[in-house]
Each structure stands twice: as structure tokens, then as C-alpha cells.
Amino acid sequence: KKTRIIGGLTQEIIDRLDKRNAIICETDPNAVRYVTFN
């Protein structure tokens, strides 16, 4: 729950959807689901 293993284009599309208010990012590191998207 500390070491980042996924980034790159996954993070890019998360950022792009965030600009459209089309994604919810989980802030709790214990959460299983990190993002919920349209």
C-alpha cells in the first residue's frame, strides 16, 4: 500500500478524466477500488 507500481498512461487518463469531473479518486490507502469513472 506504499509502492507505486502502476502509472504512465493509466495515470494520464485518470488526470484527463478528472478535468471533466468524470472520475472519483479514493484517498484512503486501504481502499481496494482506487478510482470510479464514467
PDB file of all heavy atoms in Angstrom:
ATOM      1  N   LYS A   1       0.815  -1.221   0.000  1.00  0.00           N
ATOM      2  CA  LYS A   1       0.000   0.000   0.000  1.00  0.00           C
ATOM      3  C   LYS A   1       0.846   1.267   0.000  1.00  0.00           C
ATOM      4  O   LYS A   1       0.345   2.351   0.303  1.00  0.00           O
ATOM      5  CB  LYS A   1      -0.982   0.017   1.182  1.00  0.00           C
ATOM      6  CG  LYS A   1      -1.928  -1.170   1.196  1.00  0.00           C
ATOM      7  CD  LYS A   1      -2.810  -1.179   2.421  1.00  0.00           C
ATOM      8  CE  LYS A   1      -3.663  -2.441   2.467  1.00  0.00           C
ATOM      9  NZ  LYS A   1      -4.477  -2.524   3.695  1.00  0.00           N
ATOM     10  N   LYS A   2       2.103   1.128  -0.394  1.00  0.00           N
ATOM     11  CA  LYS A   2       3.001   2.275  -0.435  1.00  0.00           C
ATOM     12  C   LYS A   2       3.713   2.406  -1.772  1.00  0.00           C
ATOM     13  O   LYS A   2       3.866   3.498  -2.297  1.00  0.00           O
ATOM     14  CB  LYS A   2       4.050   2.163   0.684  1.00  0.00           C
ATOM     15  CG  LYS A   2       3.488   2.207   2.095  1.00  0.00           C
ATOM     16  CD  LYS A   2       4.596   2.036   3.122  1.00  0.00           C
ATOM     17  CE  LYS A   2       4.037   2.044   4.540  1.00  0.00           C
ATOM     18  NZ  LYS A   2       5.111   1.847   5.556  1.00  0.00           N
ATOM     19  N   THR A   3       4.153   1.276  -2.319  1.00  0.00           N
ATOM     20  CA  THR A   3       4.969   1.290  -3.530  1.00  0.00           C
ATOM     21  C   THR A   3       4.092   1.454  -4.765  1.00  0.00           C
ATOM     22  O   THR A   3       3.195   0.643  -5.016  1.00  0.00           O
ATOM     23  CB  THR A   3       5.782  -0.012  -3.650  1.00  0.00           C
ATOM     24  OG1 THR A   3       6.518  -0.210  -2.442  1.00  0.00           O
ATOM     25  CG2 THR A   3       6.723   0.059  -4.835  1.00  0.00           C
ATOM     26  N   ARG A   4       4.331   2.499  -5.535  1.00  0.00           N
ATOM     27  CA  ARG A   4       3.573   2.740  -6.761  1.00  0.00           C
ATOM     28  C   ARG A   4       4.038   1.773  -7.844  1.00  0.00           C
ATOM     29  O   ARG A   4       5.220   1.743  -8.190  1.00  0.00           O
ATOM     30  CB  ARG A   4       3.770   4.195  -7.206  1.00  0.00           C
ATOM     31  CG  ARG A   4       2.998   4.595  -8.462  1.00  0.00           C
ATOM     32  CD  ARG A   4       1.509   4.681  -8.203  1.00  0.00           C
ATOM     33  NE  ARG A   4       0.789   5.126  -9.372  1.00  0.00           N
ATOM     34  CZ  ARG A   4       0.454   6.396  -9.613  1.00  0.00           C
ATOM     35  NH1 ARG A   4       0.782   7.335  -8.751  1.00  0.00           N
ATOM     36  NH2 ARG A   4      -0.215   6.720 -10.698  1.00  0.00           N
ATOM     37  N   ILE A   5       3.138   0.973  -8.389  1.00  0.00           N
ATOM     38  CA  ILE A   5       3.510   0.003  -9.423  1.00  0.00           C
ATOM     39  C   ILE A   5       2.783   0.249 -10.747  1.00  0.00           C
ATOM     40  O   ILE A   5       3.120  -0.365 -11.754  1.00  0.00           O
ATOM     41  CB  ILE A   5       3.241  -1.447  -8.958  1.00  0.00           C
ATOM     42  CG1 ILE A   5       1.772  -1.643  -8.588  1.00  0.00           C
ATOM     43  CG2 ILE A   5       4.157  -1.821  -7.814  1.00  0.00           C
ATOM     44  CD1 ILE A   5       1.397  -3.083  -8.303  1.00  0.00           C
ATOM     45  N   ILE A   6       1.782   1.113 -10.745  1.00  0.00           N
ATOM     46  CA  ILE A   6       1.047   1.427 -11.976  1.00  0.00           C
ATOM     47  C   ILE A   6       1.021   2.944 -12.135  1.00  0.00           C
ATOM     48  O   ILE A   6       0.681   3.674 -11.199  1.00  0.00           O
ATOM     49  CB  ILE A   6      -0.388   0.883 -11.939  1.00  0.00           C
ATOM     50  CG1 ILE A   6      -0.374  -0.642 -11.796  1.00  0.00           C
ATOM     51  CG2 ILE A   6      -1.163   1.284 -13.203  1.00  0.00           C
ATOM     52  CD1 ILE A   6      -1.750  -1.262 -11.629  1.00  0.00           C
ATOM     53  N   GLY A   7       1.377   3.416 -13.314  1.00  0.00           N
ATOM     54  CA  GLY A   7       1.387   4.857 -13.574  1.00  0.00           C
ATOM     55  C   GLY A   7       1.221   5.106 -15.058  1.00  0.00           C
ATOM     56  O   GLY A   7       0.329   4.561 -15.693  1.00  0.00           O
ATOM     57  N   GLY A   8       2.110   5.884 -15.616  1.00  0.00           N
ATOM     58  CA  GLY A   8       2.143   6.081 -17.061  1.00  0.00           C
ATOM     59  C   GLY A   8       0.817   6.521 -17.657  1.00  0.00           C
ATOM     60  O   GLY A   8       0.189   7.483 -17.203  1.00  0.00           O
ATOM     61  N   LEU A   9       0.365   5.799 -18.681  1.00  0.00           N
ATOM     62  CA  LEU A   9      -0.864   6.169 -19.382  1.00  0.00           C
ATOM     63  C   LEU A   9      -2.100   5.951 -18.522  1.00  0.00           C
ATOM     64  O   LEU A   9      -3.124   6.617 -18.722  1.00  0.00           O
ATOM     65  CB  LEU A   9      -0.969   5.387 -20.684  1.00  0.00           C
ATOM     66  CG  LEU A   9       0.036   5.814 -21.759  1.00  0.00           C
ATOM     67  CD1 LEU A   9       0.079   4.816 -22.899  1.00  0.00           C
ATOM     68  CD2 LEU A   9      -0.298   7.205 -22.287  1.00  0.00           C
ATOM     69  N   THR A  10      -2.027   5.020 -17.559  1.00  0.00           N
ATOM     70  CA  THR A  10      -3.144   4.870 -16.629  1.00  0.00           C
ATOM     71  C   THR A  10      -3.340   6.165 -15.855  1.00  0.00           C
ATOM     72  O   THR A  10      -4.461   6.663 -15.732  1.00  0.00           O
ATOM     73  CB  THR A  10      -2.878   3.708 -15.652  1.00  0.00           C
ATOM     74  OG1 THR A  10      -2.753   2.490 -16.391  1.00  0.00           O
ATOM     75  CG2 THR A  10      -4.006   3.575 -14.638  1.00  0.00           C
ATOM     76  N   GLN A  11      -2.255   6.724 -15.336  1.00  0.00           N
ATOM     77  CA  GLN A  11      -2.362   7.991 -14.611  1.00  0.00           C
ATOM     78  C   GLN A  11      -2.779   9.118 -15.537  1.00  0.00           C
ATOM     79  O   GLN A  11      -3.554  10.006 -15.151  1.00  0.00           O
ATOM     80  CB  GLN A  11      -1.033   8.328 -13.938  1.00  0.00           C
ATOM     81  CG  GLN A  11      -1.102   9.543 -13.030  1.00  0.00           C
ATOM     82  CD  GLN A  11      -2.072   9.350 -11.877  1.00  0.00           C
ATOM     83  OE1 GLN A  11      -1.955   8.386 -11.128  1.00  0.00           O
ATOM     84  NE2 GLN A  11      -3.045  10.254 -11.753  1.00  0.00           N
ATOM     85  N   GLU A  12      -2.292   9.097 -16.773  1.00  0.00           N
ATOM     86  CA  GLU A  12      -2.659  10.162 -17.713  1.00  0.00           C
ATOM     87  C   GLU A  12      -4.158  10.189 -17.973  1.00  0.00           C
ATOM     88  O   GLU A  12      -4.784  11.256 -17.970  1.00  0.00           O
ATOM     89  CB  GLU A  12      -1.910   9.991 -19.034  1.00  0.00           C
ATOM     90  CG  GLU A  12      -2.272  11.064 -20.062  1.00  0.00           C
ATOM     91  CD  GLU A  12      -1.507  10.945 -21.362  1.00  0.00           C
ATOM     92  OE1 GLU A  12      -0.360  10.448 -21.339  1.00  0.00           O
ATOM     93  OE2 GLU A  12      -2.066  11.361 -22.407  1.00  0.00           O
ATOM     94  N   ILE A  13      -4.757   9.028 -18.170  1.00  0.00           N
ATOM     95  CA  ILE A  13      -6.198   9.036 -18.452  1.00  0.00           C
ATOM     96  C   ILE A  13      -6.995   9.381 -17.196  1.00  0.00           C
ATOM     97  O   ILE A  13      -8.061  10.010 -17.273  1.00  0.00           O
ATOM     98  CB  ILE A  13      -6.656   7.705 -19.078  1.00  0.00           C
ATOM     99  CG1 ILE A  13      -7.991   7.903 -19.806  1.00  0.00           C
ATOM    100  CG2 ILE A  13      -6.768   6.592 -18.035  1.00  0.00           C
ATOM    101  CD1 ILE A  13      -8.372   6.784 -20.722  1.00  0.00           C
ATOM    102  N   ILE A  14      -6.477   9.008 -16.017  1.00  0.00           N
ATOM    103  CA  ILE A  14      -7.109   9.434 -14.768  1.00  0.00           C
ATOM    104  C   ILE A  14      -7.106  10.963 -14.698  1.00  0.00           C
ATOM    105  O   ILE A  14      -8.122  11.596 -14.377  1.00  0.00           O
ATOM    106  CB  ILE A  14      -6.387   8.818 -13.559  1.00  0.00           C
ATOM    107  CG1 ILE A  14      -6.696   7.316 -13.465  1.00  0.00           C
ATOM    108  CG2 ILE A  14      -6.779   9.519 -12.259  1.00  0.00           C
ATOM    109  CD1 ILE A  14      -5.874   6.577 -12.427  1.00  0.00           C
ATOM    110  N   ASP A  15      -5.965  11.577 -15.011  1.00  0.00           N
ATOM    111  CA  ASP A  15      -5.863  13.037 -14.971  1.00  0.00           C
ATOM    112  C   ASP A  15      -6.773  13.685 -16.010  1.00  0.00           C
ATOM    113  O   ASP A  15      -7.403  14.718 -15.741  1.00  0.00           O
ATOM    114  CB  ASP A  15      -4.410  13.462 -15.208  1.00  0.00           C
ATOM    115  CG  ASP A  15      -3.475  13.012 -14.090  1.00  0.00           C
ATOM    116  OD1 ASP A  15      -3.970  12.737 -12.982  1.00  0.00           O
ATOM    117  OD2 ASP A  15      -2.251  12.932 -14.336  1.00  0.00           O
ATOM    118  N   ARG A  16      -6.866  13.091 -17.182  1.00  0.00           N
ATOM    119  CA  ARG A  16      -7.711  13.659 -18.243  1.00  0.00           C
ATOM    120  C   ARG A  16      -9.188  13.589 -17.854  1.00  0.00           C
ATOM    121  O   ARG A  16      -9.952  14.540 -18.084  1.00  0.00           O
ATOM    122  CB  ARG A  16      -7.457  12.917 -19.560  1.00  0.00           C
ATOM    123  CG  ARG A  16      -6.088  13.179 -20.146  1.00  0.00           C
ATOM    124  CD  ARG A  16      -5.777  12.254 -21.308  1.00  0.00           C
ATOM    125  NE  ARG A  16      -6.586  12.568 -22.485  1.00  0.00           N
ATOM    126  CZ  ARG A  16      -6.102  12.856 -23.684  1.00  0.00           C
ATOM    127  NH1 ARG A  16      -4.788  12.908 -23.870  1.00  0.00           N
ATOM    128  NH2 ARG A  16      -6.894  13.096 -24.706  1.00  0.00           N
ATOM    129  N   LEU A  17      -9.608  12.475 -17.274  1.00  0.00           N
ATOM    130  CA  LEU A  17     -10.998  12.350 -16.851  1.00  0.00           C
ATOM    131  C   LEU A  17     -11.305  13.272 -15.671  1.00  0.00           C
ATOM    132  O   LEU A  17     -12.425  13.774 -15.541  1.00  0.00           O
ATOM    133  CB  LEU A  17     -11.307  10.904 -16.486  1.00  0.00           C
ATOM    134  CG  LEU A  17     -11.344   9.914 -17.650  1.00  0.00           C
ATOM    135  CD1 LEU A  17     -11.493   8.485 -17.132  1.00  0.00           C
ATOM    136  CD2 LEU A  17     -12.481  10.236 -18.618  1.00  0.00           C
ATOM    137  N   ASP A  18     -10.315  13.491 -14.821  1.00  0.00           N
ATOM    138  CA  ASP A  18     -10.515  14.383 -13.677  1.00  0.00           C
ATOM    139  C   ASP A  18     -10.835  15.796 -14.132  1.00  0.00           C
ATOM    140  O   ASP A  18     -11.643  16.501 -13.504  1.00  0.00           O
ATOM    141  CB  ASP A  18      -9.263  14.369 -12.799  1.00  0.00           C
ATOM    142  CG  ASP A  18      -9.461  15.124 -11.499  1.00  0.00           C
ATOM    143  OD1 ASP A  18     -10.492  14.909 -10.826  1.00  0.00           O
ATOM    144  OD2 ASP A  18      -8.587  15.945 -11.146  1.00  0.00           O
ATOM    145  N   LYS A  19     -10.253  16.233 -15.234  1.00  0.00           N
ATOM    146  CA  LYS A  19     -10.534  17.579 -15.766  1.00  0.00           C
ATOM    147  C   LYS A  19     -11.976  17.704 -16.250  1.00  0.00           C
ATOM    148  O   LYS A  19     -12.499  18.811 -16.378  1.00  0.00           O
ATOM    149  CB  LYS A  19      -9.573  17.893 -16.909  1.00  0.00           C
ATOM    150  CG  LYS A  19      -8.123  18.038 -16.469  1.00  0.00           C
ATOM    151  CD  LYS A  19      -7.211  18.296 -17.657  1.00  0.00           C
ATOM    152  CE  LYS A  19      -5.759  18.420 -17.204  1.00  0.00           C
ATOM    153  NZ  LYS A  19      -4.838  18.624 -18.354  1.00  0.00           N
ATOM    154  N   ARG A  20     -12.628  16.584 -16.509  1.00  0.00           N
ATOM    155  CA  ARG A  20     -14.016  16.585 -16.984  1.00  0.00           C
ATOM    156  C   ARG A  20     -14.988  16.197 -15.873  1.00  0.00           C
ATOM    157  O   ARG A  20     -16.161  15.929 -16.128  1.00  0.00           O
ATOM    158  CB  ARG A  20     -14.165  15.620 -18.168  1.00  0.00           C
ATOM    159  CG  ARG A  20     -13.230  15.947 -19.326  1.00  0.00           C
ATOM    160  CD  ARG A  20     -13.431  15.013 -20.504  1.00  0.00           C
ATOM    161  NE  ARG A  20     -12.468  15.273 -21.548  1.00  0.00           N
ATOM    162  CZ  ARG A  20     -12.561  16.253 -22.451  1.00  0.00           C
ATOM    163  NH1 ARG A  20     -13.610  17.065 -22.428  1.00  0.00           N
ATOM    164  NH2 ARG A  20     -11.633  16.422 -23.380  1.00  0.00           N
ATOM    165  N   ASN A  21     -14.481  16.138 -14.628  1.00  0.00           N
ATOM    166  CA  ASN A  21     -15.309  15.722 -13.478  1.00  0.00           C
ATOM    167  C   ASN A  21     -15.952  14.363 -13.730  1.00  0.00           C
ATOM    168  O   ASN A  21     -17.098  14.118 -13.370  1.00  0.00           O
ATOM    169  CB  ASN A  21     -16.384  16.763 -13.168  1.00  0.00           C
ATOM    170  CG  ASN A  21     -15.794  18.093 -12.741  1.00  0.00           C
ATOM    171  OD1 ASN A  21     -14.841  18.135 -11.968  1.00  0.00           O
ATOM    172  ND2 ASN A  21     -16.343  19.179 -13.268  1.00  0.00           N
ATOM    173  N   ALA A  22     -15.182  13.478 -14.390  1.00  0.00           N
ATOM    174  CA  ALA A  22     -15.708  12.172 -14.790  1.00  0.00           C
ATOM    175  C   ALA A  22     -15.042  11.041 -14.031  1.00  0.00           C
ATOM    176  O   ALA A  22     -15.117   9.884 -14.452  1.00  0.00           O
ATOM    177  CB  ALA A  22     -15.522  11.975 -16.292  1.00  0.00           C
ATOM    178  N   ILE A  23     -14.412  11.353 -12.897  1.00  0.00           N
ATOM    179  CA  ILE A  23     -13.719  10.315 -12.140  1.00  0.00           C
ATOM    180  C   ILE A  23     -13.687  10.699 -10.668  1.00  0.00           C
ATOM    181  O   ILE A  23     -13.659  11.897 -10.325  1.00  0.00           O
ATOM    182  CB  ILE A  23     -12.293  10.102 -12.695  1.00  0.00           C
ATOM    183  CG1 ILE A  23     -11.734   8.738 -12.277  1.00  0.00           C
ATOM    184  CG2 ILE A  23     -11.359  11.238 -12.303  1.00  0.00           C
ATOM    185  CD1 ILE A  23     -10.537   8.293 -13.080  1.00  0.00           C
ATOM    186  N   ILE A  24     -13.754   9.705  -9.816  1.00  0.00           N
ATOM    187  CA  ILE A  24     -13.630   9.905  -8.370  1.00  0.00           C
ATOM    188  C   ILE A  24     -12.435   9.090  -7.908  1.00  0.00           C
ATOM    189  O   ILE A  24     -12.384   7.870  -8.125  1.00  0.00           O
ATOM    190  CB  ILE A  24     -14.899   9.456  -7.621  1.00  0.00           C
ATOM    191  CG1 ILE A  24     -16.113  10.263  -8.085  1.00  0.00           C
ATOM    192  CG2 ILE A  24     -14.703   9.604  -6.112  1.00  0.00           C
ATOM    193  CD1 ILE A  24     -17.429   9.723  -7.548  1.00  0.00           C
ATOM    194  N   CYS A  25     -11.466   9.745  -7.266  1.00  0.00           N
ATOM    195  CA  CYS A  25     -10.269   9.070  -6.776  1.00  0.00           C
ATOM    196  C   CYS A  25     -10.390   8.829  -5.276  1.00  0.00           C
ATOM    197  O   CYS A  25     -10.743   9.752  -4.523  1.00  0.00           O
ATOM    198  CB  CYS A  25      -9.022   9.896  -7.072  1.00  0.00           C
ATOM    199  SG  CYS A  25      -8.675  10.090  -8.832  1.00  0.00           S
ATOM    200  N   GLU A  26     -10.092   7.631  -4.858  1.00  0.00           N
ATOM    201  CA  GLU A  26     -10.155   7.266  -3.447  1.00  0.00           C
ATOM    202  C   GLU A  26      -8.887   7.731  -2.737  1.00  0.00           C
ATOM    203  O   GLU A  26      -7.778   7.537  -3.247  1.00  0.00           O
ATOM    204  CB  GLU A  26     -10.303   5.740  -3.324  1.00  0.00           C
ATOM    205  CG  GLU A  26     -10.319   5.220  -1.914  1.00  0.00           C
ATOM    206  CD  GLU A  26     -11.436   5.799  -1.080  1.00  0.00           C
ATOM    207  OE1 GLU A  26     -12.616   5.589  -1.432  1.00  0.00           O
ATOM    208  OE2 GLU A  26     -11.118   6.490  -0.085  1.00  0.00           O
ATOM    209  N   THR A  27      -9.036   8.378  -1.598  1.00  0.00           N
ATOM    210  CA  THR A  27      -7.883   8.877  -0.848  1.00  0.00           C
ATOM    211  C   THR A  27      -7.426   7.912   0.244  1.00  0.00           C
ATOM    212  O   THR A  27      -6.309   8.020   0.741  1.00  0.00           O
ATOM    213  CB  THR A  27      -8.205  10.233  -0.208  1.00  0.00           C
ATOM    214  OG1 THR A  27      -9.366  10.092   0.639  1.00  0.00           O
ATOM    215  CG2 THR A  27      -8.493  11.277  -1.280  1.00  0.00           C
ATOM    216  N   ASP A  28      -8.268   6.957   0.618  1.00  0.00           N
ATOM    217  CA  ASP A  28      -7.930   6.000   1.660  1.00  0.00           C
ATOM    218  C   ASP A  28      -7.002   4.929   1.092  1.00  0.00           C
ATOM    219  O   ASP A  28      -7.383   4.190   0.179  1.00  0.00           O
ATOM    220  CB  ASP A  28      -9.205   5.350   2.206  1.00  0.00           C
ATOM    221  CG  ASP A  28      -8.930   4.341   3.308  1.00  0.00           C
ATOM    222  OD1 ASP A  28      -7.747   4.162   3.673  1.00  0.00           O
ATOM    223  OD2 ASP A  28      -9.895   3.731   3.803  1.00  0.00           O
ATOM    224  N   PRO A  29      -5.763   4.813   1.591  1.00  0.00           N
ATOM    225  CA  PRO A  29      -4.831   3.820   1.028  1.00  0.00           C
ATOM    226  C   PRO A  29      -5.275   2.378   1.251  1.00  0.00           C
ATOM    227  O   PRO A  29      -4.772   1.461   0.599  1.00  0.00           O
ATOM    228  CB  PRO A  29      -3.521   4.108   1.776  1.00  0.00           C
ATOM    229  CG  PRO A  29      -3.949   4.776   3.043  1.00  0.00           C
ATOM    230  CD  PRO A  29      -5.175   5.573   2.695  1.00  0.00           C
ATOM    231  N   ASN A  30      -6.224   2.166   2.171  1.00  0.00           N
ATOM    232  CA  ASN A  30      -6.723   0.812   2.422  1.00  0.00           C
ATOM    233  C   ASN A  30      -7.852   0.421   1.472  1.00  0.00           C
ATOM    234  O   ASN A  30      -8.295  -0.724   1.480  1.00  0.00           O
ATOM    235  CB  ASN A  30      -7.213   0.693   3.866  1.00  0.00           C
ATOM    236  CG  ASN A  30      -6.077   0.838   4.866  1.00  0.00           C
ATOM    237  OD1 ASN A  30      -5.062   0.179   4.734  1.00  0.00           O
ATOM    238  ND2 ASN A  30      -6.243   1.705   5.837  1.00  0.00           N
ATOM    239  N   ALA A  31      -8.337   1.368   0.687  1.00  0.00           N
ATOM    240  CA  ALA A  31      -9.449   1.086  -0.221  1.00  0.00           C
ATOM    241  C   ALA A  31      -8.982   0.159  -1.341  1.00  0.00           C
ATOM    242  O   ALA A  31      -7.882   0.305  -1.874  1.00  0.00           O
ATOM    243  CB  ALA A  31     -10.011   2.375  -0.807  1.00  0.00           C
ATOM    244  N   VAL A  32      -9.831  -0.803  -1.697  1.00  0.00           N
ATOM    245  CA  VAL A  32      -9.496  -1.712  -2.790  1.00  0.00           C
ATOM    246  C   VAL A  32      -9.660  -1.013  -4.133  1.00  0.00           C
ATOM    247  O   VAL A  32      -8.812  -1.096  -5.013  1.00  0.00           O
ATOM    248  CB  VAL A  32     -10.388  -2.973  -2.729  1.00  0.00           C
ATOM    249  CG1 VAL A  32     -10.151  -3.850  -3.951  1.00  0.00           C
ATOM    250  CG2 VAL A  32     -10.104  -3.760  -1.457  1.00  0.00           C
ATOM    251  N   ARG A  33     -10.771  -0.278  -4.284  1.00  0.00           N
ATOM    252  CA  ARG A  33     -11.013   0.445  -5.530  1.00  0.00           C
ATOM    253  C   ARG A  33     -10.393   1.830  -5.435  1.00  0.00           C
ATOM    254  O   ARG A  33     -10.727   2.611  -4.551  1.00  0.00           O
ATOM    255  CB  ARG A  33     -12.513   0.545  -5.796  1.00  0.00           C
ATOM    256  CG  ARG A  33     -13.118  -0.735  -6.336  1.00  0.00           C
ATOM    257  CD  ARG A  33     -14.617  -0.667  -6.411  1.00  0.00           C
ATOM    258  NE  ARG A  33     -15.216  -0.732  -5.085  1.00  0.00           N
ATOM    259  CZ  ARG A  33     -16.519  -0.768  -4.854  1.00  0.00           C
ATOM    260  NH1 ARG A  33     -17.354  -0.738  -5.847  1.00  0.00           N
ATOM    261  NH2 ARG A  33     -16.991  -0.837  -3.641  1.00  0.00           N
ATOM    262  N   TYR A  34      -9.513   2.140  -6.367  1.00  0.00           N
ATOM    263  CA  TYR A  34      -8.825   3.429  -6.311  1.00  0.00           C
ATOM    264  C   TYR A  34      -9.615   4.513  -7.032  1.00  0.00           C
ATOM    265  O   TYR A  34      -9.740   5.618  -6.551  1.00  0.00           O
ATOM    266  CB  TYR A  34      -7.427   3.303  -6.907  1.00  0.00           C
ATOM    267  CG  TYR A  34      -6.711   4.631  -6.979  1.00  0.00           C
ATOM    268  CD1 TYR A  34      -6.352   5.301  -5.810  1.00  0.00           C
ATOM    269  CD2 TYR A  34      -6.415   5.227  -8.200  1.00  0.00           C
ATOM    270  CE1 TYR A  34      -5.717   6.527  -5.869  1.00  0.00           C
ATOM    271  CE2 TYR A  34      -5.770   6.445  -8.263  1.00  0.00           C
ATOM    272  CZ  TYR A  34      -5.418   7.092  -7.092  1.00  0.00           C
ATOM    273  OH  TYR A  34      -4.802   8.315  -7.156  1.00  0.00           O
ATOM    274  N   VAL A  35     -10.145   4.186  -8.218  1.00  0.00           N
ATOM    275  CA  VAL A  35     -10.910   5.175  -8.971  1.00  0.00           C
ATOM    276  C   VAL A  35     -12.227   4.577  -9.449  1.00  0.00           C
ATOM    277  O   VAL A  35     -12.325   3.383  -9.734  1.00  0.00           O
ATOM    278  CB  VAL A  35     -10.131   5.717 -10.198  1.00  0.00           C
ATOM    279  CG1 VAL A  35      -8.904   6.488  -9.762  1.00  0.00           C
ATOM    280  CG2 VAL A  35      -9.743   4.594 -11.140  1.00  0.00           C
ATOM    281  N   THR A  36     -13.237   5.429  -9.493  1.00  0.00           N
ATOM    282  CA  THR A  36     -14.512   5.100 -10.128  1.00  0.00           C
ATOM    283  C   THR A  36     -14.725   6.135 -11.219  1.00  0.00           C
ATOM    284  O   THR A  36     -14.624   7.336 -10.962  1.00  0.00           O
ATOM    285  CB  THR A  36     -15.663   5.151  -9.114  1.00  0.00           C
ATOM    286  OG1 THR A  36     -15.354   4.296  -8.013  1.00  0.00           O
ATOM    287  CG2 THR A  36     -16.964   4.698  -9.754  1.00  0.00           C
ATOM    288  N   PHE A  37     -15.024   5.682 -12.442  1.00  0.00           N
ATOM    289  CA  PHE A  37     -15.063   6.615 -13.564  1.00  0.00           C
ATOM    290  C   PHE A  37     -16.348   6.457 -14.371  1.00  0.00           C
ATOM    291  O   PHE A  37     -17.043   5.440 -14.302  1.00  0.00           O
ATOM    292  CB  PHE A  37     -13.846   6.424 -14.482  1.00  0.00           C
ATOM    293  CG  PHE A  37     -13.594   4.998 -14.893  1.00  0.00           C
ATOM    294  CD1 PHE A  37     -14.284   4.418 -15.939  1.00  0.00           C
ATOM    295  CD2 PHE A  37     -12.655   4.229 -14.212  1.00  0.00           C
ATOM    296  CE1 PHE A  37     -14.059   3.105 -16.309  1.00  0.00           C
ATOM    297  CE2 PHE A  37     -12.420   2.910 -14.573  1.00  0.00           C
ATOM    298  CZ  PHE A  37     -13.120   2.349 -15.627  1.00  0.00           C
ATOM    299  N   ASN A  38     -16.643   7.492 -15.139  1.00  0.00           N
ATOM    300  CA  ASN A  38     -17.757   7.492 -16.075  1.00  0.00           C
ATOM    301  C   ASN A  38     -17.307   6.724 -17.325  1.00  0.00           C
ATOM    302  O   ASN A  38     -16.410   7.164 -18.044  1.00  0.00           O
ATOM    303  CB  ASN A  38     -18.134   8.944 -16.419  1.00  0.00           C
ATOM    304  CG  ASN A  38     -19.314   9.049 -17.353  1.00  0.00           C
ATOM    305  OD1 ASN A  38     -19.341   8.415 -18.401  1.00  0.00           O
ATOM    306  ND2 ASN A  38     -20.277   9.871 -16.998  1.00  0.00           N
TER     307      ASN A  38
END
